[in-house]
Amino acid sequence: MDDQSFLDRKYFIDSSVYNCPFCNRRNVRYSLTSTNYFDWNNRRRCYVYLVQCTSCEKKSMHLSFSMLRPDAGGMWFDFEKYEVDNEIFYSVPTSFFIVDSRIPRTLRELITESEGCLKMNYLTGASACMRKAIYELLVNEKVEGPDYQTRIKTLKQKYESIDPGYFDVLAHIQDMTSDKIHEQSWDKWDSPTLVLINETLKSIFYEMYVLPIKKKERRLAIEKLRHAVKQEKPKEQEN
């Protein structure tokens, strides 16, 4: 079977299943409870979608410039016509992946803001957030060195279990040569570059801050089962 783990990082998987940002359940059913719109400006209309999790019953809000329902009375997203996650430029809460509390708050907020700017095609704002996210990552990991390239190399050596290609992407970013981020000291990045950096950082954050905790939780669960089996065996021998 093909690897479909990428679905765990999506908000909406299909017209009835999504990853809930509240109860953190994956592949849970949802319902589109309400749709409305407002005038973004004289020429553009913005649609508001309220989505409710069938498990925890909490509602999330999503904004898009597209009418994502197949018809005016439909109560589901039209996945035959749209890749819904790409059409939504703002959600509350943010995406299932970024909202994970195990990722440091500053990094989560910067990635979230960058994604919002990118979806609105605000490339200067997205570029600033990406640069700041890289800078904060290095500060958070207490990585030191005389220059940017050295710091990324040190971070790469610190996390040898993470795919080195992720750090190579960061190491080859142009205009990341200063310790400080100044809005007027660099040009904005283009959209493909921003998408690449954004996805790379999300993967690094997941490997650094989420996956180790999940592995620890699995180990503890297995140890608990092993302990239960050991406790059960003497009883069987007595019988």
Protein backbone atom coordinates (compact mmCIF):
# COMPACT_ATOMS: atom_id res chain seq x y z
CA MET A 1 0.00 0.00 0.00
CA ASP A 2 1.23 3.50 -0.84
CA ASP A 3 2.37 5.76 2.00
CA GLN A 4 -0.56 8.04 2.86
CA SER A 5 0.89 9.63 5.99
CA PHE A 6 0.64 13.03 4.25
CA LEU A 7 -3.11 12.90 4.99
CA ASP A 8 -2.32 13.33 8.69
CA ARG A 9 -1.06 16.83 7.94
CA LYS A 10 -4.13 17.95 6.04
CA TYR A 11 -7.11 19.70 7.57
CA PHE A 12 -9.82 18.26 5.30
CA ILE A 13 -9.28 14.81 3.84
CA ASP A 14 -12.55 14.46 1.93
CA SER A 15 -16.15 15.68 2.03
CA SER A 16 -16.91 13.92 5.33
CA VAL A 17 -13.59 13.21 7.11
CA TYR A 18 -10.98 15.57 8.53
CA ASN A 19 -8.33 15.89 11.27
CA CYS A 20 -9.92 17.65 14.23
CA PRO A 21 -7.74 20.43 15.75
CA PHE A 22 -9.67 20.31 19.03
CA CYS A 23 -9.80 16.67 20.12
CA ASN A 24 -6.73 15.82 17.98
CA ARG A 25 -8.49 12.85 16.39
CA ARG A 26 -7.40 11.90 12.90
CA ASN A 27 -9.83 10.77 10.22
CA VAL A 28 -12.89 11.76 12.22
CA ARG A 29 -16.19 12.72 10.64
CA TYR A 30 -17.26 16.35 10.44
CA SER A 31 -20.28 18.32 9.24
CA LEU A 32 -20.50 21.67 7.48
CA THR A 33 -22.97 23.39 9.79
CA SER A 34 -23.09 26.89 8.33
CA THR A 35 -21.99 28.95 5.33
CA ASN A 36 -22.09 32.72 4.94
CA TYR A 37 -20.18 35.45 3.16
CA PHE A 38 -19.10 39.06 3.42
CA ASP A 39 -17.69 41.56 0.93
CA TRP A 40 -13.90 41.57 1.19
CA ASN A 41 -13.80 44.61 -1.08
CA ASN A 42 -15.81 46.04 -3.96
CA ARG A 43 -14.89 43.18 -6.27
CA ARG A 44 -14.30 40.16 -4.05
CA ARG A 45 -16.56 38.10 -1.82
CA CYS A 46 -15.21 36.04 1.08
CA TYR A 47 -17.02 32.89 2.22
CA VAL A 48 -17.19 31.76 5.83
CA TYR A 49 -17.57 28.06 6.65
CA LEU A 50 -18.31 26.65 10.11
CA VAL A 51 -17.33 23.01 10.53
CA GLN A 52 -18.30 20.82 13.49
CA CYS A 53 -16.49 17.71 14.69
CA THR A 54 -18.88 14.80 15.25
CA SER A 55 -16.67 13.54 18.08
CA CYS A 56 -16.02 16.55 20.36
CA GLU A 57 -18.76 18.71 18.77
CA LYS A 58 -16.53 21.80 18.68
CA LYS A 59 -16.71 24.13 15.68
CA SER A 60 -13.91 25.61 13.60
CA MET A 61 -14.09 28.56 11.19
CA HIS A 62 -12.62 28.69 7.68
CA LEU A 63 -12.34 31.55 5.19
CA SER A 64 -12.09 31.17 1.42
CA PHE A 65 -12.60 33.28 -1.68
CA SER A 66 -14.24 30.27 -3.35
CA MET A 67 -17.73 28.81 -2.99
CA LEU A 68 -16.60 25.35 -1.92
CA ARG A 69 -20.01 23.72 -1.82
CA PRO A 70 -21.33 21.96 -4.92
CA ASP A 71 -24.55 24.02 -4.76
CA ALA A 72 -26.23 26.67 -2.65
CA GLY A 73 -28.00 24.15 -0.47
CA GLY A 74 -25.21 21.60 -0.13
CA MET A 75 -23.81 20.85 3.29
CA TRP A 76 -20.48 19.35 2.22
CA PHE A 77 -17.34 20.52 0.43
CA ASP A 78 -16.98 19.85 -3.28
CA PHE A 79 -13.82 17.75 -3.42
CA GLU A 80 -14.42 16.83 -7.04
CA LYS A 81 -13.82 20.44 -8.03
CA TYR A 82 -11.54 21.79 -5.28
CA GLU A 83 -8.53 20.81 -3.21
CA VAL A 84 -10.21 22.36 -0.18
CA ASP A 85 -7.10 22.89 1.97
CA ASN A 86 -5.55 24.94 -0.84
CA GLU A 87 -8.67 27.09 -1.25
CA ILE A 88 -8.91 28.04 2.44
CA PHE A 89 -6.58 30.91 3.32
CA TYR A 90 -7.42 31.27 7.02
CA SER A 91 -8.69 28.86 9.67
CA VAL A 92 -9.38 29.05 13.40
CA PRO A 93 -7.87 26.92 14.88
CA THR A 94 -4.98 26.65 12.46
CA SER A 95 -4.02 23.42 10.71
CA PHE A 96 -3.99 20.15 12.63
CA PHE A 97 -0.23 19.83 12.26
CA ILE A 98 0.78 23.31 13.39
CA VAL A 99 -1.60 23.47 16.36
CA ASP A 100 0.26 20.61 18.05
CA SER A 101 1.21 22.05 21.44
CA ARG A 102 4.45 20.07 21.57
CA ILE A 103 5.97 22.45 19.03
CA PRO A 104 7.23 25.67 20.71
CA ARG A 105 4.61 28.39 20.53
CA THR A 106 6.80 30.97 18.77
CA LEU A 107 7.61 28.55 15.96
CA ARG A 108 3.96 27.50 15.59
CA GLU A 109 2.77 31.08 15.33
CA LEU A 110 5.40 32.10 12.78
CA ILE A 111 4.69 29.12 10.52
CA THR A 112 0.95 29.74 10.81
CA GLU A 113 1.33 33.42 9.95
CA SER A 114 3.60 32.60 7.03
CA GLU A 115 1.10 30.11 5.61
CA GLY A 116 -1.67 32.69 5.92
CA CYS A 117 0.41 35.31 4.10
CA LEU A 118 1.36 32.82 1.40
CA LYS A 119 -2.25 31.85 0.73
CA MET A 120 -3.09 35.55 0.38
CA ASN A 121 -0.03 35.99 -1.88
CA TYR A 122 1.54 38.40 0.62
CA LEU A 123 5.04 37.20 -0.23
CA THR A 124 6.92 39.89 1.70
CA GLY A 125 5.09 39.04 4.92
CA ALA A 126 5.51 35.30 4.33
CA SER A 127 9.23 35.78 3.68
CA ALA A 128 9.68 37.76 6.90
CA CYS A 129 7.91 35.07 8.94
CA MET A 130 9.98 32.27 7.38
CA ARG A 131 13.26 34.07 8.07
CA LYS A 132 12.17 34.79 11.61
CA ALA A 133 11.10 31.15 12.13
CA ILE A 134 14.56 29.92 11.07
CA TYR A 135 16.21 32.48 13.34
CA GLU A 136 14.00 31.50 16.31
CA LEU A 137 14.67 27.80 15.67
CA LEU A 138 18.40 28.40 16.00
CA VAL A 139 17.88 30.46 19.15
CA ASN A 140 15.51 27.88 20.64
CA GLU A 141 18.03 25.09 20.02
CA LYS A 142 20.86 27.24 21.45
CA VAL A 143 22.91 26.72 18.30
CA GLU A 144 26.00 28.91 18.12
CA GLY A 145 28.51 29.64 15.39
CA PRO A 146 30.27 32.43 13.53
CA ASP A 147 27.80 32.43 10.63
CA TYR A 148 24.47 31.07 9.41
CA GLN A 149 25.93 28.14 7.46
CA THR A 150 27.87 26.95 10.51
CA ARG A 151 24.79 27.11 12.72
CA ILE A 152 22.72 25.02 10.32
CA LYS A 153 25.56 22.49 10.08
CA THR A 154 25.71 22.31 13.89
CA LEU A 155 21.95 21.78 14.07
CA LYS A 156 22.25 19.03 11.46
CA GLN A 157 24.89 17.27 13.57
CA LYS A 158 22.80 17.66 16.71
CA TYR A 159 19.85 15.84 15.12
CA GLU A 160 21.52 13.02 13.19
CA SER A 161 18.30 10.99 13.13
CA ILE A 162 16.54 13.63 10.98
CA ASP A 163 16.90 13.47 7.21
CA PRO A 164 20.00 15.62 6.48
CA GLY A 165 18.33 16.84 3.29
CA TYR A 166 15.99 19.00 5.38
CA PHE A 167 18.93 20.92 6.83
CA ASP A 168 20.59 21.14 3.41
CA VAL A 169 17.51 23.01 2.17
CA LEU A 170 17.90 25.56 4.97
CA ALA A 171 21.66 25.80 4.47
CA HIS A 172 21.30 26.80 0.82
CA ILE A 173 18.75 29.57 1.36
CA GLN A 174 20.01 32.82 -0.09
CA ASP A 175 20.04 36.05 1.95
CA MET A 176 20.25 34.20 5.30
CA THR A 177 23.66 35.58 6.22
CA SER A 178 22.79 38.04 9.01
CA ASP A 179 22.13 37.32 12.67
CA LYS A 180 19.28 39.80 12.65
CA ILE A 181 16.18 40.04 10.49
CA HIS A 182 15.66 43.46 8.91
CA GLU A 183 12.68 44.07 6.67
CA GLN A 184 14.63 46.32 4.33
CA SER A 185 17.78 44.16 4.07
CA TRP A 186 16.50 41.47 1.70
CA ASP A 187 14.17 40.81 -1.20
CA LYS A 188 11.03 38.74 -0.81
CA TRP A 189 11.19 35.07 -1.79
CA ASP A 190 9.05 33.71 -4.58
CA SER A 191 6.11 31.40 -3.90
CA PRO A 192 7.83 28.05 -4.77
CA THR A 193 10.75 28.90 -2.48
CA LEU A 194 8.39 29.79 0.36
CA VAL A 195 6.43 26.55 -0.04
CA LEU A 196 9.68 24.55 0.01
CA ILE A 197 10.99 26.28 3.14
CA ASN A 198 7.61 26.07 4.86
CA GLU A 199 7.24 22.32 4.28
CA THR A 200 10.87 21.74 5.27
CA LEU A 201 10.48 23.59 8.55
CA LYS A 202 7.24 21.77 9.38
CA SER A 203 8.96 18.44 8.82
CA ILE A 204 11.90 19.49 11.00
CA PHE A 205 9.60 20.71 13.76
CA TYR A 206 7.67 17.45 13.69
CA GLU A 207 10.84 15.35 13.85
CA MET A 208 12.31 17.47 16.65
CA TYR A 209 9.38 18.12 18.95
CA VAL A 210 6.52 15.71 18.18
CA LEU A 211 7.94 12.40 17.03
CA PRO A 212 10.25 11.82 20.06
CA ILE A 213 7.30 12.23 22.43
CA LYS A 214 5.18 9.86 20.36
CA LYS A 215 7.97 7.26 20.42
CA LYS A 216 8.26 7.63 24.18
CA GLU A 217 4.52 7.18 24.58
CA ARG A 218 4.68 4.00 22.47
CA ARG A 219 7.55 2.61 24.56
CA LEU A 220 5.66 3.29 27.78
CA ALA A 221 2.55 1.61 26.38
CA ILE A 222 4.55 -1.48 25.40
CA GLU A 223 6.25 -1.61 28.79
CA LYS A 224 2.86 -1.43 30.45
CA LEU A 225 1.63 -4.36 28.35
CA ARG A 226 4.77 -6.36 29.12
CA HIS A 227 4.29 -5.74 32.81
CA ALA A 228 0.67 -6.87 32.58
CA VAL A 229 1.73 -10.09 30.82
CA LYS A 230 4.33 -10.84 33.51
CA GLN A 231 1.74 -10.32 36.20
CA GLU A 232 -0.68 -12.67 34.45
CA LYS A 233 1.73 -15.59 33.95
CA PRO A 234 2.14 -16.55 37.64
CA LYS A 235 -1.65 -16.75 37.95
CA GLU A 236 -1.80 -19.16 35.00
CA GLN A 237 0.93 -21.33 36.55
CA GLU A 238 -0.95 -21.52 39.84
CA ASN A 239 -4.03 -22.83 38.02
